[in-house]
Structures are given as structure tokens and as C-alpha cells.
């Protein structure tokens, strides 16, 4: 009985052994390996763009975000957990003090509609968050000019930061028509 159990184990073990992998066959025509395919230019351009975005996300912007959070620790303290608190406290000595940025005194030239005071404050806040690499959400009561503030931010980026790319605005479908109207108003002189 012992002999049969041992024999079954040996047979099972030899069947479960990893089998050697087959080597790929060489090209039959000349025996040389194939050259790698050349990628289309639009794919290589996209990969370069993605690499730039990755460096931005995980490089300088991550440091800017940590410094921003460290400099604003007092305001953020009630909303963060103990791990983040410890990280920010350990970064207190290394963090660069936030440079004094002048408040935007004027609205972008591309926007001809006059912004109200609270809209200018919102625009200043959005430009500050953008310069620190921090994501942000603009949310307030209906009718206070979120659309105009966002259009002003895009205009500011075009004027002062040579931003030429398209902008993705995430909004409910119900306000898409008003967005198209705001952007195409002759007062804004802004193109879609």
C-alpha cells in the first residue's frame, strides 16, 4: 500500500513539473530575427505627451502639492487624517515658503465682460491653485458666474502662460447649451 501511494506521488510530481518553453522559430527566409515594427508617428507623439504628463504629475507638481499643503497646514488640519498630518509635520522644515503672489488686478483681455469682485477673487484662487499644481472644483450657487470664471481662467492661461491646447470642461448636459452660448458671445472674442 505504501509503495502504491509513493508511486502515485512520484507520477503526480513528474506530471506537474514545469515544462520547458518552446523557442520561437526563426524567420524561414534568411534565418534572422524580425525587426521591430515602426510605430506610427501619432502614437509616438501621444506617448511623448503622456510621458510629459506623468513627469508633471509625479515630479514637480507632487512637490508643489506637498509644499502647498504644508504651508496651509493650519487650515487643512481639521480635515486630514493622522498619516497626512505626520507627513506634513515632517515636511515643515523642508517646505519652501509660498512666494507672495500678487492678486490678479485685472481680468484677462480676451474676456470683454466685466467680472464682479467675487468673480475676480474666484479667478485669482483658481490661478493660484493651477500654479501650485493642485486640482480644484469651482462650485457655488447658481447664477454667480461659474461659466464666466472658468472662461476667464482659460483666457488667463492663454494670455499669460502660452496655453494653446484644448480644454476639457466637465459639466452637466443641461448647461452645455449655455456654455456654447457664453463662449460664442461676441463680447468674449473667444473661439471654441
N, C-alpha and C. Protein backbone atom coordinates (compact mmCIF):
# COMPACT_ATOMS: atom_id res chain seq x y z
N UNK A 1 0.81 -1.18 0.00
CA UNK A 1 0.00 0.00 0.00
C UNK A 1 0.87 1.26 0.00
N UNK A 2 1.91 1.22 0.84
CA UNK A 2 2.84 2.35 0.91
C UNK A 2 3.51 2.57 -0.43
N UNK A 3 3.88 1.47 -1.09
CA UNK A 3 4.55 1.53 -2.38
C UNK A 3 3.65 2.18 -3.43
N UNK A 4 2.36 1.89 -3.45
CA UNK A 4 1.43 2.45 -4.42
C UNK A 4 1.25 3.95 -4.19
N UNK A 5 1.15 4.38 -2.91
CA UNK A 5 1.00 5.80 -2.60
C UNK A 5 2.24 6.57 -3.04
N UNK A 6 3.43 6.02 -2.80
CA UNK A 6 4.67 6.67 -3.20
C UNK A 6 4.74 6.76 -4.72
N UNK A 7 4.34 5.70 -5.39
CA UNK A 7 4.36 5.69 -6.84
C UNK A 7 3.40 6.75 -7.42
N UNK A 8 2.23 6.87 -6.83
CA UNK A 8 1.28 7.88 -7.28
C UNK A 8 1.83 9.29 -7.07
N UNK A 9 2.50 9.51 -5.95
CA UNK A 9 3.09 10.82 -5.67
C UNK A 9 4.16 11.16 -6.69
N UNK A 10 5.03 10.19 -7.00
CA UNK A 10 6.11 10.42 -7.96
C UNK A 10 5.52 10.72 -9.34
N UNK A 11 4.49 9.98 -9.74
CA UNK A 11 3.87 10.22 -11.05
C UNK A 11 3.22 11.59 -11.07
N UNK A 12 2.51 11.95 -10.01
CA UNK A 12 1.86 13.27 -9.95
C UNK A 12 2.91 14.38 -9.97
N UNK A 13 4.02 14.19 -9.26
CA UNK A 13 5.06 15.21 -9.21
C UNK A 13 5.69 15.41 -10.59
N UNK A 14 5.96 14.33 -11.28
CA UNK A 14 6.60 14.47 -12.59
C UNK A 14 5.66 15.08 -13.62
N UNK A 15 4.36 14.87 -13.48
CA UNK A 15 3.42 15.48 -14.41
C UNK A 15 3.22 16.96 -14.13
N UNK A 16 3.41 17.38 -12.87
CA UNK A 16 3.23 18.79 -12.51
C UNK A 16 4.47 19.63 -12.73
N UNK A 17 5.59 19.00 -13.08
CA UNK A 17 6.81 19.75 -13.30
C UNK A 17 6.60 20.76 -14.42
N UNK A 18 7.17 21.96 -14.28
CA UNK A 18 7.02 22.93 -15.37
C UNK A 18 7.68 22.41 -16.63
N UNK A 19 6.99 22.56 -17.72
CA UNK A 19 7.51 22.09 -19.00
C UNK A 19 8.36 23.18 -19.63
N UNK A 20 9.42 22.81 -20.31
CA UNK A 20 10.26 23.84 -20.94
C UNK A 20 9.49 24.57 -22.03
N UNK A 21 9.76 25.86 -22.12
CA UNK A 21 9.08 26.68 -23.12
C UNK A 21 9.71 26.46 -24.49
N UNK A 22 8.86 26.48 -25.49
CA UNK A 22 9.35 26.32 -26.85
C UNK A 22 9.99 27.62 -27.33
N UNK A 23 11.07 27.48 -28.02
CA UNK A 23 11.76 28.66 -28.56
C UNK A 23 11.04 29.10 -29.82
N UNK A 24 10.91 30.45 -30.01
CA UNK A 24 10.26 30.91 -31.24
C UNK A 24 11.11 30.55 -32.45
N UNK A 25 10.43 30.20 -33.50
CA UNK A 25 11.12 29.82 -34.73
C UNK A 25 11.69 31.06 -35.41
N UNK A 26 12.84 30.89 -35.99
CA UNK A 26 13.46 31.99 -36.73
C UNK A 26 12.74 32.15 -38.06
N UNK A 27 12.89 33.33 -38.63
CA UNK A 27 12.30 33.62 -39.93
C UNK A 27 12.88 32.64 -40.95
N UNK A 28 12.02 31.97 -41.69
CA UNK A 28 12.48 30.93 -42.61
C UNK A 28 13.24 31.49 -43.80
N UNK A 29 13.00 32.72 -44.17
CA UNK A 29 13.61 33.25 -45.40
C UNK A 29 15.11 33.42 -45.25
N UNK A 30 15.56 34.08 -44.18
CA UNK A 30 17.01 34.29 -44.06
C UNK A 30 17.56 33.90 -42.69
N UNK A 31 16.74 33.38 -41.82
CA UNK A 31 17.22 32.93 -40.52
C UNK A 31 17.40 34.05 -39.51
N UNK A 32 17.27 35.30 -39.90
CA UNK A 32 17.45 36.42 -38.98
C UNK A 32 16.13 36.73 -38.27
N UNK A 33 16.24 37.30 -37.10
CA UNK A 33 15.04 37.68 -36.35
C UNK A 33 14.40 38.90 -37.00
N UNK A 34 13.10 39.02 -36.83
CA UNK A 34 12.37 40.16 -37.41
C UNK A 34 12.76 41.47 -36.74
N UNK A 35 12.77 42.51 -37.51
CA UNK A 35 13.00 43.85 -36.95
C UNK A 35 11.70 44.33 -36.30
N UNK A 36 11.81 45.07 -35.19
CA UNK A 36 10.58 45.55 -34.55
C UNK A 36 9.80 46.48 -35.48
N UNK A 37 8.48 46.42 -35.36
CA UNK A 37 7.64 47.28 -36.20
C UNK A 37 7.83 48.73 -35.83
N UNK A 38 7.77 49.58 -36.83
CA UNK A 38 7.86 51.00 -36.59
C UNK A 38 6.47 51.52 -36.25
N UNK A 39 6.38 52.24 -35.13
CA UNK A 39 5.09 52.76 -34.69
C UNK A 39 4.74 53.99 -35.51
N UNK A 40 3.45 54.19 -35.76
CA UNK A 40 3.03 55.40 -36.46
C UNK A 40 3.38 56.65 -35.65
N UNK A 41 3.55 57.74 -36.33
CA UNK A 41 4.01 58.97 -35.67
C UNK A 41 3.00 59.48 -34.64
N UNK A 42 1.69 59.30 -34.91
CA UNK A 42 0.72 59.81 -33.95
C UNK A 42 0.79 59.05 -32.63
N UNK A 43 1.18 57.77 -32.67
CA UNK A 43 1.30 57.00 -31.43
C UNK A 43 2.54 57.44 -30.66
N UNK A 44 3.65 57.67 -31.35
CA UNK A 44 4.84 58.13 -30.65
C UNK A 44 4.64 59.53 -30.08
N UNK A 45 3.91 60.38 -30.80
CA UNK A 45 3.61 61.72 -30.29
C UNK A 45 2.77 61.61 -29.01
N UNK A 46 1.78 60.72 -29.04
CA UNK A 46 0.92 60.54 -27.87
C UNK A 46 1.72 60.00 -26.69
N UNK A 47 2.64 59.06 -26.95
CA UNK A 47 3.46 58.52 -25.87
C UNK A 47 4.36 59.60 -25.26
N UNK A 48 4.93 60.47 -26.11
CA UNK A 48 5.74 61.57 -25.60
C UNK A 48 4.90 62.50 -24.74
N UNK A 49 3.69 62.81 -25.21
CA UNK A 49 2.79 63.67 -24.44
C UNK A 49 2.44 63.02 -23.09
N UNK A 50 2.14 61.72 -23.10
CA UNK A 50 1.82 61.02 -21.86
C UNK A 50 3.00 61.02 -20.90
N UNK A 51 4.22 60.87 -21.43
CA UNK A 51 5.41 60.92 -20.57
C UNK A 51 5.57 62.28 -19.92
N UNK A 52 5.29 63.33 -20.67
CA UNK A 52 5.37 64.69 -20.11
C UNK A 52 4.35 64.85 -18.98
N UNK A 53 3.15 64.36 -19.20
CA UNK A 53 2.11 64.45 -18.18
C UNK A 53 2.50 63.65 -16.95
N UNK A 54 3.05 62.45 -17.13
CA UNK A 54 3.47 61.64 -15.99
C UNK A 54 4.55 62.34 -15.18
N UNK A 55 5.54 62.93 -15.88
CA UNK A 55 6.59 63.66 -15.17
C UNK A 55 6.00 64.82 -14.39
N UNK A 56 5.02 65.47 -15.00
CA UNK A 56 4.39 66.61 -14.34
C UNK A 56 3.62 66.16 -13.11
N UNK A 57 2.91 65.05 -13.24
CA UNK A 57 2.11 64.57 -12.12
C UNK A 57 2.96 64.06 -10.97
N UNK A 58 4.01 63.31 -11.30
CA UNK A 58 4.79 62.65 -10.25
C UNK A 58 6.08 63.37 -9.91
N UNK A 59 6.37 64.44 -10.59
CA UNK A 59 7.62 65.14 -10.35
C UNK A 59 7.41 66.44 -9.60
N UNK A 60 7.52 67.52 -10.31
CA UNK A 60 7.47 68.85 -9.74
C UNK A 60 6.12 69.13 -9.08
N UNK A 61 5.04 68.72 -9.73
CA UNK A 61 3.72 69.01 -9.18
C UNK A 61 3.49 68.32 -7.85
N UNK A 62 4.00 67.10 -7.69
CA UNK A 62 3.84 66.41 -6.41
C UNK A 62 4.55 67.18 -5.30
N UNK A 63 5.73 67.72 -5.60
CA UNK A 63 6.46 68.53 -4.62
C UNK A 63 5.71 69.81 -4.34
N UNK A 64 5.19 70.46 -5.39
CA UNK A 64 4.41 71.69 -5.19
C UNK A 64 3.18 71.42 -4.35
N UNK A 65 2.50 70.31 -4.59
CA UNK A 65 1.31 69.99 -3.82
C UNK A 65 1.64 69.77 -2.35
N UNK A 66 2.73 69.04 -2.10
CA UNK A 66 3.13 68.80 -0.72
C UNK A 66 3.51 70.10 -0.03
N UNK A 67 4.24 70.96 -0.72
CA UNK A 67 4.60 72.26 -0.14
C UNK A 67 3.37 73.12 0.10
N UNK A 68 2.42 73.10 -0.83
CA UNK A 68 1.19 73.87 -0.66
C UNK A 68 0.43 73.38 0.56
N UNK A 69 0.31 72.07 0.70
CA UNK A 69 -0.42 71.52 1.85
C UNK A 69 0.32 71.81 3.15
N UNK A 70 1.64 71.77 3.11
CA UNK A 70 2.43 72.07 4.32
C UNK A 70 2.26 73.54 4.70
N UNK A 71 2.30 74.43 3.73
CA UNK A 71 2.15 75.86 4.02
C UNK A 71 0.75 76.21 4.50
N UNK A 72 -0.23 75.41 4.14
CA UNK A 72 -1.61 75.65 4.56
C UNK A 72 -2.07 74.61 5.58
N UNK A 73 -1.15 74.10 6.36
CA UNK A 73 -1.43 73.05 7.33
C UNK A 73 -2.50 73.46 8.34
N UNK A 74 -2.42 74.69 8.82
CA UNK A 74 -3.38 75.14 9.84
C UNK A 74 -4.82 75.08 9.32
N UNK A 75 -5.02 75.43 8.07
CA UNK A 75 -6.37 75.40 7.50
C UNK A 75 -6.83 73.98 7.22
N UNK A 76 -5.90 73.12 6.85
CA UNK A 76 -6.27 71.76 6.46
C UNK A 76 -6.35 70.78 7.62
N UNK A 77 -5.77 71.13 8.75
CA UNK A 77 -5.64 70.19 9.87
C UNK A 77 -6.95 69.51 10.28
N UNK A 78 -8.08 70.21 10.38
CA UNK A 78 -9.30 69.50 10.79
C UNK A 78 -9.80 68.46 9.79
N UNK A 79 -9.30 68.50 8.57
CA UNK A 79 -9.85 67.64 7.52
C UNK A 79 -8.94 66.48 7.11
N UNK A 80 -7.78 66.36 7.73
CA UNK A 80 -6.84 65.33 7.30
C UNK A 80 -6.63 64.30 8.40
N UNK A 81 -6.25 63.09 7.99
CA UNK A 81 -6.05 62.02 8.96
C UNK A 81 -4.63 62.06 9.52
N UNK A 82 -4.33 61.16 10.45
CA UNK A 82 -3.07 61.21 11.17
C UNK A 82 -1.86 60.95 10.27
N UNK A 83 -1.98 60.07 9.27
CA UNK A 83 -0.85 59.81 8.37
C UNK A 83 -0.44 61.07 7.63
N UNK A 84 -1.43 61.78 7.11
CA UNK A 84 -1.13 63.01 6.36
C UNK A 84 -0.58 64.07 7.30
N UNK A 85 -1.13 64.17 8.51
CA UNK A 85 -0.62 65.13 9.49
C UNK A 85 0.86 64.88 9.77
N UNK A 86 1.21 63.60 9.99
CA UNK A 86 2.62 63.27 10.25
C UNK A 86 3.51 63.63 9.07
N UNK A 87 3.03 63.35 7.86
CA UNK A 87 3.80 63.68 6.67
C UNK A 87 4.01 65.19 6.55
N UNK A 88 2.95 65.96 6.77
CA UNK A 88 3.07 67.42 6.65
C UNK A 88 3.95 67.99 7.76
N UNK A 89 3.84 67.45 8.96
CA UNK A 89 4.69 67.94 10.04
C UNK A 89 6.16 67.63 9.78
N UNK A 90 6.44 66.46 9.19
CA UNK A 90 7.83 66.14 8.88
C UNK A 90 8.36 66.99 7.72
N UNK A 91 7.47 67.50 6.90
CA UNK A 91 7.87 68.32 5.76
C UNK A 91 7.97 69.81 6.12
N UNK A 92 7.61 70.18 7.35
CA UNK A 92 7.60 71.60 7.75
C UNK A 92 8.96 72.26 7.56
N UNK A 93 10.03 71.55 7.89
CA UNK A 93 11.37 72.15 7.80
C UNK A 93 11.85 72.24 6.36
N UNK A 94 11.44 71.26 5.53
CA UNK A 94 11.91 71.21 4.15
C UNK A 94 11.09 72.08 3.20
N UNK A 95 9.86 72.39 3.58
CA UNK A 95 8.96 73.10 2.64
C UNK A 95 9.44 74.51 2.39
N UNK A 96 9.36 74.88 1.13
CA UNK A 96 9.70 76.26 0.77
C UNK A 96 8.51 77.14 1.12
N UNK A 97 8.77 78.31 1.69
CA UNK A 97 7.63 79.19 1.96
C UNK A 97 6.99 79.62 0.65
N UNK A 98 5.68 79.76 0.70
CA UNK A 98 4.95 80.12 -0.50
C UNK A 98 5.31 81.54 -0.93
N UNK A 99 5.70 81.72 -2.18
CA UNK A 99 6.06 83.06 -2.62
C UNK A 99 4.83 83.97 -2.61
N UNK A 100 5.08 85.21 -2.30
CA UNK A 100 3.98 86.18 -2.29
C UNK A 100 3.58 86.46 -3.73
N UNK A 101 2.39 86.05 -4.05
CA UNK A 101 1.89 86.28 -5.40
C UNK A 101 0.94 87.45 -5.37
N UNK A 102 1.11 88.37 -6.27
CA UNK A 102 0.17 89.48 -6.30
C UNK A 102 -1.21 88.99 -6.74
N UNK A 103 -2.23 89.57 -6.18
CA UNK A 103 -3.58 89.24 -6.58
C UNK A 103 -3.80 89.78 -7.98
N UNK A 104 -4.52 89.01 -8.80
CA UNK A 104 -4.80 89.48 -10.15
C UNK A 104 -5.56 90.79 -10.05
N UNK A 105 -4.98 91.83 -10.58
CA UNK A 105 -5.64 93.12 -10.51
C UNK A 105 -6.60 93.36 -11.66
N UNK A 106 -6.32 92.71 -12.77
CA UNK A 106 -7.16 92.92 -13.95
C UNK A 106 -7.62 91.58 -14.49
N UNK A 107 -8.71 91.64 -15.18
CA UNK A 107 -9.21 90.42 -15.80
C UNK A 107 -8.51 90.22 -17.13
N UNK A 108 -8.56 89.01 -17.67
CA UNK A 108 -7.90 88.75 -18.96
C UNK A 108 -8.46 89.64 -20.07
N UNK A 109 -7.60 90.03 -20.98
CA UNK A 109 -8.02 90.89 -22.08
C UNK A 109 -8.98 90.19 -23.05
N UNK A 110 -8.88 88.85 -23.14
CA UNK A 110 -9.76 88.12 -24.04
C UNK A 110 -11.22 88.17 -23.60
N UNK A 111 -11.45 88.41 -22.32
CA UNK A 111 -12.82 88.45 -21.80
C UNK A 111 -13.23 89.92 -21.68
N UNK A 112 -14.22 90.29 -22.48
CA UNK A 112 -14.65 91.69 -22.51
C UNK A 112 -15.74 91.99 -21.48
N UNK A 113 -16.43 90.96 -21.01
CA UNK A 113 -17.45 91.16 -19.98
C UNK A 113 -16.75 91.51 -18.67
N UNK A 114 -17.26 92.47 -17.94
CA UNK A 114 -16.65 92.89 -16.68
C UNK A 114 -16.96 91.87 -15.60
N UNK A 115 -15.89 91.38 -14.96
CA UNK A 115 -16.05 90.45 -13.85
C UNK A 115 -16.38 91.21 -12.57
N UNK A 116 -17.22 90.64 -11.74
CA UNK A 116 -17.53 91.24 -10.44
C UNK A 116 -16.40 90.94 -9.47
N UNK A 117 -16.43 91.61 -8.31
CA UNK A 117 -15.34 91.45 -7.33
C UNK A 117 -15.19 89.99 -6.90
N UNK A 118 -16.29 89.34 -6.53
CA UNK A 118 -16.20 87.96 -6.06
C UNK A 118 -15.76 87.02 -7.18
N UNK A 119 -16.04 87.36 -8.44
CA UNK A 119 -15.57 86.55 -9.55
C UNK A 119 -14.07 86.72 -9.74
N UNK A 120 -13.56 87.93 -9.52
CA UNK A 120 -12.11 88.16 -9.60
C UNK A 120 -11.39 87.40 -8.50
N UNK A 121 -11.99 87.36 -7.30
CA UNK A 121 -11.39 86.60 -6.19
C UNK A 121 -11.37 85.12 -6.55
N UNK A 122 -12.47 84.62 -7.14
CA UNK A 122 -12.51 83.23 -7.57
C UNK A 122 -11.51 82.94 -8.66
N UNK A 123 -11.35 83.86 -9.60
CA UNK A 123 -10.37 83.69 -10.67
C UNK A 123 -8.95 83.67 -10.10
N UNK A 124 -8.68 84.54 -9.15
CA UNK A 124 -7.37 84.56 -8.51
C UNK A 124 -7.10 83.25 -7.81
N UNK A 125 -8.10 82.73 -7.10
CA UNK A 125 -7.95 81.46 -6.39
C UNK A 125 -7.67 80.33 -7.38
N UNK A 126 -8.40 80.31 -8.50
CA UNK A 126 -8.19 79.26 -9.49
C UNK A 126 -6.80 79.33 -10.11
N UNK A 127 -6.31 80.54 -10.38
CA UNK A 127 -4.96 80.66 -10.95
C UNK A 127 -3.91 80.23 -9.94
N UNK A 128 -4.15 80.54 -8.66
CA UNK A 128 -3.22 80.11 -7.60
C UNK A 128 -3.19 78.59 -7.51
N UNK A 129 -4.35 77.96 -7.52
CA UNK A 129 -4.41 76.50 -7.45
C UNK A 129 -3.74 75.88 -8.67
N UNK A 130 -3.96 76.47 -9.84
CA UNK A 130 -3.34 75.95 -11.06
C UNK A 130 -1.82 76.08 -11.00
N UNK A 131 -1.32 77.21 -10.50
CA UNK A 131 0.13 77.41 -10.45
C UNK A 131 0.79 76.48 -9.44
N UNK A 132 0.03 76.05 -8.42
CA UNK A 132 0.57 75.11 -7.43
C UNK A 132 0.40 73.66 -7.88
N UNK A 133 -0.26 73.45 -9.01
CA UNK A 133 -0.47 72.09 -9.48
C UNK A 133 -1.55 71.35 -8.71
N UNK A 134 -2.42 72.10 -8.04
CA UNK A 134 -3.48 71.49 -7.23
C UNK A 134 -4.76 71.37 -8.04
N UNK A 135 -5.42 70.23 -7.97
CA UNK A 135 -6.73 70.13 -8.62
C UNK A 135 -7.75 70.93 -7.82
N UNK A 136 -8.78 71.39 -8.48
CA UNK A 136 -9.79 72.18 -7.78
C UNK A 136 -11.14 72.03 -8.44
N UNK A 137 -12.18 72.34 -7.69
CA UNK A 137 -13.55 72.30 -8.19
C UNK A 137 -14.16 73.64 -7.86
N UNK A 138 -14.77 74.25 -8.84
CA UNK A 138 -15.47 75.52 -8.65
C UNK A 138 -16.95 75.20 -8.48
N UNK A 139 -17.45 75.39 -7.29
CA UNK A 139 -18.85 75.08 -7.03
C UNK A 139 -19.45 76.13 -6.12
N UNK A 140 -20.52 76.77 -6.54
CA UNK A 140 -21.23 77.73 -5.70
C UNK A 140 -22.68 77.79 -6.16
N UNK A 141 -23.39 78.75 -5.68
CA UNK A 141 -24.82 78.88 -6.02
C UNK A 141 -25.00 79.10 -7.52
N UNK A 142 -26.18 78.78 -8.00
CA UNK A 142 -26.48 79.01 -9.41
C UNK A 142 -26.56 80.50 -9.70
N UNK A 143 -26.07 80.89 -10.86
CA UNK A 143 -26.21 82.27 -11.29
C UNK A 143 -25.12 83.21 -10.83
N UNK A 144 -24.05 82.68 -10.21
CA UNK A 144 -22.98 83.55 -9.74
C UNK A 144 -21.81 83.65 -10.72
N UNK A 145 -21.90 82.97 -11.84
CA UNK A 145 -20.90 83.17 -12.88
C UNK A 145 -19.78 82.15 -12.92
N UNK A 146 -20.06 80.89 -12.61
CA UNK A 146 -19.02 79.86 -12.70
C UNK A 146 -18.53 79.72 -14.14
N UNK A 147 -19.45 79.80 -15.09
CA UNK A 147 -19.08 79.67 -16.50
C UNK A 147 -18.13 80.79 -16.90
N UNK A 148 -18.47 82.00 -16.55
CA UNK A 148 -17.62 83.15 -16.89
C UNK A 148 -16.27 83.07 -16.19
N UNK A 149 -16.26 82.62 -14.93
CA UNK A 149 -14.98 82.49 -14.22
C UNK A 149 -14.09 81.44 -14.89
N UNK A 150 -14.68 80.34 -15.32
CA UNK A 150 -13.90 79.29 -15.96
C UNK A 150 -13.39 79.75 -17.32
N UNK A 151 -14.23 80.45 -18.07
CA UNK A 151 -13.78 81.02 -19.34
C UNK A 151 -12.65 82.01 -19.10
N UNK A 152 -12.75 82.78 -18.03
CA UNK A 152 -11.69 83.75 -17.69
C UNK A 152 -10.40 83.04 -17.33
N UNK A 153 -10.50 81.90 -16.63
CA UNK A 153 -9.29 81.13 -16.29
C UNK A 153 -8.61 80.63 -17.57
N UNK A 154 -9.39 80.10 -18.48
CA UNK A 154 -8.82 79.61 -19.74
C UNK A 154 -8.19 80.77 -20.52
N UNK A 155 -8.85 81.92 -20.52
CA UNK A 155 -8.29 83.11 -21.19
C UNK A 155 -7.00 83.56 -20.51
N UNK A 156 -6.97 83.52 -19.18
CA UNK A 156 -5.75 83.89 -18.44
C UNK A 156 -4.60 82.96 -18.80
N UNK A 157 -4.88 81.66 -18.88
CA UNK A 157 -3.83 80.70 -19.24
C UNK A 157 -3.34 80.93 -20.66
N UNK A 158 -4.24 81.29 -21.57
CA UNK A 158 -3.84 81.57 -22.95
C UNK A 158 -2.97 82.82 -23.03
N UNK A 159 -3.31 83.84 -22.23
CA UNK A 159 -2.57 85.10 -22.30
C UNK A 159 -1.23 85.04 -21.58
N UNK A 160 -1.21 84.50 -20.37
CA UNK A 160 -0.01 84.63 -19.52
C UNK A 160 0.86 83.38 -19.48
N UNK A 161 0.33 82.24 -19.88
CA UNK A 161 1.10 81.00 -19.79
C UNK A 161 1.26 80.32 -21.14
N UNK A 162 0.92 81.00 -22.21
CA UNK A 162 1.04 80.48 -23.58
C UNK A 162 0.37 79.12 -23.72
N UNK A 163 -0.76 78.97 -23.09
CA UNK A 163 -1.53 77.73 -23.16
C UNK A 163 -2.26 77.70 -24.49
N UNK A 164 -1.98 76.68 -25.30
CA UNK A 164 -2.59 76.62 -26.62
C UNK A 164 -3.48 75.42 -26.83
N UNK A 165 -3.43 74.48 -25.92
CA UNK A 165 -4.17 73.24 -26.11
C UNK A 165 -5.66 73.38 -25.86
N UNK A 166 -6.39 72.34 -26.17
CA UNK A 166 -7.83 72.36 -25.90
C UNK A 166 -8.08 72.22 -24.40
N UNK A 167 -9.27 72.58 -23.98
CA UNK A 167 -9.65 72.49 -22.57
C UNK A 167 -10.84 71.56 -22.44
N UNK A 168 -10.79 70.71 -21.46
CA UNK A 168 -11.89 69.80 -21.18
C UNK A 168 -12.68 70.36 -20.01
N UNK A 169 -13.94 70.68 -20.25
CA UNK A 169 -14.82 71.20 -19.21
C UNK A 169 -15.85 70.12 -18.92
N UNK A 170 -15.91 69.70 -17.67
CA UNK A 170 -16.87 68.68 -17.27
C UNK A 170 -18.04 69.40 -16.62
N UNK A 171 -19.20 69.26 -17.22
CA UNK A 171 -20.39 69.93 -16.72
C UNK A 171 -21.61 69.10 -17.08
N UNK A 172 -22.72 69.33 -16.39
CA UNK A 172 -23.93 68.60 -16.75
C UNK A 172 -24.39 68.94 -18.17
N UNK A 173 -25.06 68.00 -18.79
CA UNK A 173 -25.55 68.19 -20.14
C UNK A 173 -26.53 69.37 -20.21
N UNK A 174 -27.21 69.62 -19.10
CA UNK A 174 -28.21 70.69 -19.09
C UNK A 174 -27.60 72.08 -19.25
N UNK A 175 -26.31 72.25 -18.94
CA UNK A 175 -25.68 73.57 -19.07
C UNK A 175 -24.75 73.66 -20.28
N UNK A 176 -24.71 72.60 -21.07
CA UNK A 176 -23.83 72.61 -22.23
C UNK A 176 -24.23 73.69 -23.23
N UNK A 177 -25.52 73.88 -23.43
CA UNK A 177 -26.01 74.92 -24.34
C UNK A 177 -25.58 76.31 -23.86
N UNK A 178 -25.70 76.56 -22.56
CA UNK A 178 -25.29 77.88 -22.05
C UNK A 178 -23.78 78.07 -22.17
N UNK A 179 -23.00 76.99 -22.04
CA UNK A 179 -21.55 77.09 -22.23
C UNK A 179 -21.24 77.52 -23.66
N UNK A 180 -21.87 76.86 -24.60
CA UNK A 180 -21.63 77.21 -26.01
C UNK A 180 -22.03 78.66 -26.28
N UNK A 181 -23.12 79.11 -25.68
CA UNK A 181 -23.54 80.50 -25.86
C UNK A 181 -22.54 81.47 -25.24
N UNK A 182 -22.08 81.17 -24.04
CA UNK A 182 -21.13 82.07 -23.35
C UNK A 182 -19.84 82.21 -24.14
N UNK A 183 -19.33 81.07 -24.63
CA UNK A 183 -18.06 81.11 -25.34
C UNK A 183 -18.20 81.81 -26.68
N UNK A 184 -19.36 81.68 -27.31
CA UNK A 184 -19.51 82.26 -28.64
C UNK A 184 -20.05 83.69 -28.62
N UNK A 185 -20.28 84.26 -27.43
CA UNK A 185 -20.74 85.65 -27.37
C UNK A 185 -19.70 86.57 -28.00
N UNK A 186 -20.14 87.55 -28.75
CA UNK A 186 -19.16 88.45 -29.38
C UNK A 186 -18.39 89.28 -28.34
N UNK A 187 -18.93 89.41 -27.13
CA UNK A 187 -18.24 90.19 -26.13
C UNK A 187 -16.95 89.50 -25.66
N UNK A 188 -16.96 88.14 -25.69
CA UNK A 188 -15.78 87.40 -25.20
C UNK A 188 -14.66 87.34 -26.21
N UNK A 189 -14.98 87.41 -27.49
CA UNK A 189 -13.98 87.26 -28.54
C UNK A 189 -13.13 86.02 -28.31
N UNK A 190 -13.80 84.93 -28.05
CA UNK A 190 -13.15 83.68 -27.68
C UNK A 190 -13.59 82.60 -28.63
N UNK A 191 -12.69 81.77 -29.10
CA UNK A 191 -13.07 80.72 -30.06
C UNK A 191 -13.14 79.38 -29.35
N UNK A 192 -14.07 78.55 -29.83
CA UNK A 192 -14.21 77.20 -29.27
C UNK A 192 -13.06 76.32 -29.67
